[in-house]
Every structure is written in structure tokens, then in C-alpha cells.
N, C-alpha and C. Protein backbone atom coordinates (compact mmCIF):
# COMPACT_ATOMS: atom_id res chain seq x y z
N MET A 1 133.43 48.42 106.30
CA MET A 1 133.24 49.57 105.44
C MET A 1 134.46 50.49 105.53
N ALA A 2 134.86 51.02 104.43
CA ALA A 2 136.03 51.90 104.40
C ALA A 2 135.67 53.28 104.94
N LYS A 3 136.63 53.88 105.61
CA LYS A 3 136.43 55.23 106.16
C LYS A 3 136.55 56.25 105.03
N ARG A 4 135.62 57.16 105.00
CA ARG A 4 135.63 58.19 103.96
C ARG A 4 136.48 59.36 104.43
N GLY A 5 137.38 59.85 103.62
CA GLY A 5 138.23 60.98 103.96
C GLY A 5 137.54 62.30 103.62
N TYR A 6 138.20 63.36 103.96
CA TYR A 6 137.68 64.69 103.68
C TYR A 6 138.27 65.20 102.37
N THR A 7 137.47 65.96 101.63
CA THR A 7 138.02 66.65 100.48
C THR A 7 138.70 67.92 100.99
N LYS A 8 139.47 68.57 100.12
CA LYS A 8 140.15 69.80 100.54
C LYS A 8 139.15 70.86 100.96
N LYS A 9 138.05 70.96 100.24
CA LYS A 9 137.04 71.97 100.56
C LYS A 9 136.43 71.69 101.93
N GLU A 10 136.12 70.42 102.19
CA GLU A 10 135.55 70.05 103.51
C GLU A 10 136.56 70.28 104.62
N ALA A 11 137.82 69.96 104.37
CA ALA A 11 138.87 70.16 105.38
C ALA A 11 139.06 71.64 105.68
N ASN A 12 139.05 72.47 104.63
CA ASN A 12 139.20 73.91 104.83
C ASN A 12 138.01 74.49 105.59
N ARG A 13 136.82 74.03 105.25
CA ARG A 13 135.62 74.50 105.95
C ARG A 13 135.67 74.11 107.43
N ARG A 14 136.08 72.86 107.67
CA ARG A 14 136.18 72.37 109.06
C ARG A 14 137.25 73.15 109.83
N ARG A 15 138.40 73.38 109.20
CA ARG A 15 139.47 74.15 109.84
C ARG A 15 139.01 75.56 110.15
N THR A 16 138.31 76.19 109.20
CA THR A 16 137.82 77.55 109.41
C THR A 16 136.83 77.59 110.57
N LYS A 17 135.96 76.58 110.65
CA LYS A 17 134.98 76.52 111.75
C LYS A 17 135.70 76.44 113.09
N PHE A 18 136.72 75.60 113.19
CA PHE A 18 137.44 75.47 114.45
C PHE A 18 138.26 76.72 114.77
N MET A 19 138.76 77.40 113.74
CA MET A 19 139.50 78.65 113.98
C MET A 19 138.57 79.73 114.51
N VAL A 20 137.35 79.79 113.98
CA VAL A 20 136.36 80.75 114.48
C VAL A 20 136.00 80.42 115.92
N LEU A 21 135.78 79.15 116.23
CA LEU A 21 135.47 78.76 117.61
C LEU A 21 136.62 79.07 118.55
N ALA A 22 137.86 78.85 118.12
CA ALA A 22 139.02 79.16 118.94
C ALA A 22 139.13 80.66 119.17
N GLY A 23 138.85 81.44 118.13
CA GLY A 23 138.88 82.90 118.28
C GLY A 23 137.82 83.39 119.24
N MET A 24 136.62 82.81 119.18
CA MET A 24 135.55 83.20 120.10
C MET A 24 135.93 82.82 121.54
N GLY A 25 136.55 81.66 121.70
CA GLY A 25 137.00 81.25 123.04
C GLY A 25 138.05 82.21 123.58
N ASP A 26 138.98 82.64 122.73
CA ASP A 26 139.99 83.61 123.15
C ASP A 26 139.33 84.94 123.54
N PHE A 27 138.36 85.38 122.76
CA PHE A 27 137.68 86.64 123.05
C PHE A 27 136.94 86.56 124.38
N ILE A 28 136.21 85.49 124.60
CA ILE A 28 135.46 85.33 125.85
C ILE A 28 136.42 85.25 127.03
N GLY A 29 137.54 84.55 126.86
CA GLY A 29 138.54 84.48 127.92
C GLY A 29 139.14 85.83 128.24
N THR A 30 139.39 86.63 127.21
CA THR A 30 139.95 87.97 127.41
C THR A 30 138.96 88.86 128.15
N VAL A 31 137.70 88.82 127.76
CA VAL A 31 136.68 89.64 128.43
C VAL A 31 136.52 89.20 129.89
N ALA A 32 136.51 87.90 130.14
CA ALA A 32 136.39 87.40 131.51
C ALA A 32 137.60 87.82 132.34
N ALA A 33 138.80 87.74 131.77
CA ALA A 33 140.00 88.14 132.49
C ALA A 33 139.97 89.64 132.80
N PHE A 34 139.45 90.44 131.89
CA PHE A 34 139.33 91.88 132.13
C PHE A 34 138.44 92.14 133.34
N PHE A 35 137.31 91.45 133.43
CA PHE A 35 136.41 91.67 134.55
C PHE A 35 137.00 91.16 135.86
N VAL A 36 137.76 90.08 135.81
CA VAL A 36 138.43 89.58 137.02
C VAL A 36 139.47 90.59 137.50
N ILE A 37 140.25 91.15 136.59
CA ILE A 37 141.25 92.16 136.95
C ILE A 37 140.56 93.40 137.50
N LEU A 38 139.47 93.81 136.88
CA LEU A 38 138.72 94.97 137.36
C LEU A 38 138.19 94.74 138.77
N ALA A 39 137.67 93.56 139.03
CA ALA A 39 137.18 93.23 140.37
C ALA A 39 138.32 93.25 141.39
N CYS A 40 139.48 92.74 141.01
CA CYS A 40 140.64 92.76 141.92
C CYS A 40 141.08 94.18 142.23
N VAL A 41 141.08 95.05 141.23
CA VAL A 41 141.45 96.45 141.46
C VAL A 41 140.46 97.12 142.40
N VAL A 42 139.18 96.86 142.19
CA VAL A 42 138.15 97.43 143.08
C VAL A 42 138.34 96.92 144.51
N LEU A 43 138.59 95.63 144.68
CA LEU A 43 138.80 95.07 146.01
C LEU A 43 140.04 95.65 146.69
N LEU A 44 141.12 95.81 145.93
CA LEU A 44 142.33 96.40 146.52
C LEU A 44 142.11 97.86 146.90
N THR A 45 141.41 98.60 146.06
CA THR A 45 141.11 99.99 146.38
C THR A 45 140.27 100.08 147.64
N THR A 46 139.27 99.22 147.75
CA THR A 46 138.43 99.20 148.94
C THR A 46 139.24 98.82 150.18
N LEU A 47 140.14 97.87 150.05
CA LEU A 47 140.98 97.45 151.18
C LEU A 47 141.86 98.59 151.66
N PHE A 48 142.52 99.28 150.73
CA PHE A 48 143.40 100.38 151.13
C PHE A 48 142.61 101.55 151.70
N THR A 49 141.43 101.82 151.18
CA THR A 49 140.60 102.88 151.74
C THR A 49 140.17 102.53 153.17
N TRP A 50 139.77 101.29 153.38
CA TRP A 50 139.39 100.84 154.72
C TRP A 50 140.57 100.90 155.67
N LEU A 51 141.75 100.47 155.20
CA LEU A 51 142.94 100.48 156.05
C LEU A 51 143.33 101.91 156.41
N LYS A 52 143.24 102.81 155.46
CA LYS A 52 143.58 104.22 155.72
C LYS A 52 142.64 104.83 156.75
N GLY A 53 141.37 104.47 156.71
CA GLY A 53 140.41 105.01 157.67
C GLY A 53 140.49 104.33 159.02
N ASP A 54 140.91 103.07 159.07
CA ASP A 54 140.92 102.30 160.31
C ASP A 54 142.24 102.40 161.06
N LEU A 55 143.32 102.71 160.38
CA LEU A 55 144.64 102.72 161.00
C LEU A 55 144.76 103.70 162.16
N PRO A 56 144.30 104.94 162.06
CA PRO A 56 144.40 105.85 163.22
C PRO A 56 143.64 105.31 164.45
N GLN A 57 142.52 104.68 164.24
CA GLN A 57 141.74 104.13 165.34
C GLN A 57 142.49 102.98 166.01
N VAL A 58 143.13 102.14 165.23
CA VAL A 58 143.90 101.02 165.78
C VAL A 58 145.09 101.56 166.56
N ILE A 59 145.79 102.52 166.03
CA ILE A 59 146.95 103.10 166.73
C ILE A 59 146.50 103.75 168.03
N GLU A 60 145.40 104.46 168.00
CA GLU A 60 144.88 105.12 169.21
C GLU A 60 144.51 104.09 170.27
N SER A 61 143.91 102.97 169.87
CA SER A 61 143.51 101.98 170.86
C SER A 61 144.71 101.23 171.42
N LEU A 62 145.80 101.14 170.68
CA LEU A 62 147.01 100.48 171.19
C LEU A 62 147.92 101.41 171.97
N LYS A 63 147.74 102.72 171.81
CA LYS A 63 148.62 103.68 172.46
C LYS A 63 148.52 103.64 173.97
N ASN A 64 147.33 103.63 174.51
CA ASN A 64 147.15 103.66 175.97
C ASN A 64 147.74 102.43 176.67
N PRO A 65 147.49 101.19 176.21
CA PRO A 65 148.14 100.05 176.89
C PRO A 65 149.66 100.06 176.81
N ILE A 66 150.20 100.53 175.68
CA ILE A 66 151.66 100.58 175.55
C ILE A 66 152.25 101.63 176.47
N ILE A 67 151.61 102.79 176.54
CA ILE A 67 152.10 103.86 177.42
C ILE A 67 152.00 103.42 178.88
N SER A 68 150.92 102.80 179.27
CA SER A 68 150.78 102.36 180.66
C SER A 68 151.74 101.22 181.00
N ALA A 69 152.13 100.41 180.03
CA ALA A 69 153.07 99.31 180.29
C ALA A 69 154.48 99.84 180.53
N PHE A 70 154.87 100.90 179.85
CA PHE A 70 156.22 101.44 180.01
C PHE A 70 156.27 102.64 180.94
N GLY A 71 155.10 103.20 181.28
CA GLY A 71 155.10 104.43 182.06
C GLY A 71 154.96 104.25 183.53
């Protein structure tokens, strides 16, 4: 049996359908990337806040052994 080709109207309709699907995929990818970037910013902010609060305690706990080693 011979393969039936597409008419111009069918080809345009098919192309339009795939363009809409590609656009939706791009949109979903952009939204997902936005949330990933937002999560990374939140994690970095939390890390720096924790480091800022913990750093004086770490320095204080290391100060006495260093002073006693050289003193």
C-alpha cells in the first residue's frame, strides 16, 4: 500500500501543534528553573546567616588551644 502524504493544511496544523507543545515545554522549563534558582538563593542566604552566627563561636573555641600552645 502506498504511503499517504500530508496536505498543506494538515502539515500546517501539525506544525502548529508541535510549536504549541514546544512553547509549553519552554514555559514549564522556565518556571522550573526559576524555582530552582529561588531555592538556591534561599539555601545560600541560610548558609551565610548560619556562618555569620557560628563564626564567633568557632573562633572562641579555637582561641584557647592556640594561646596555650604558644603561651
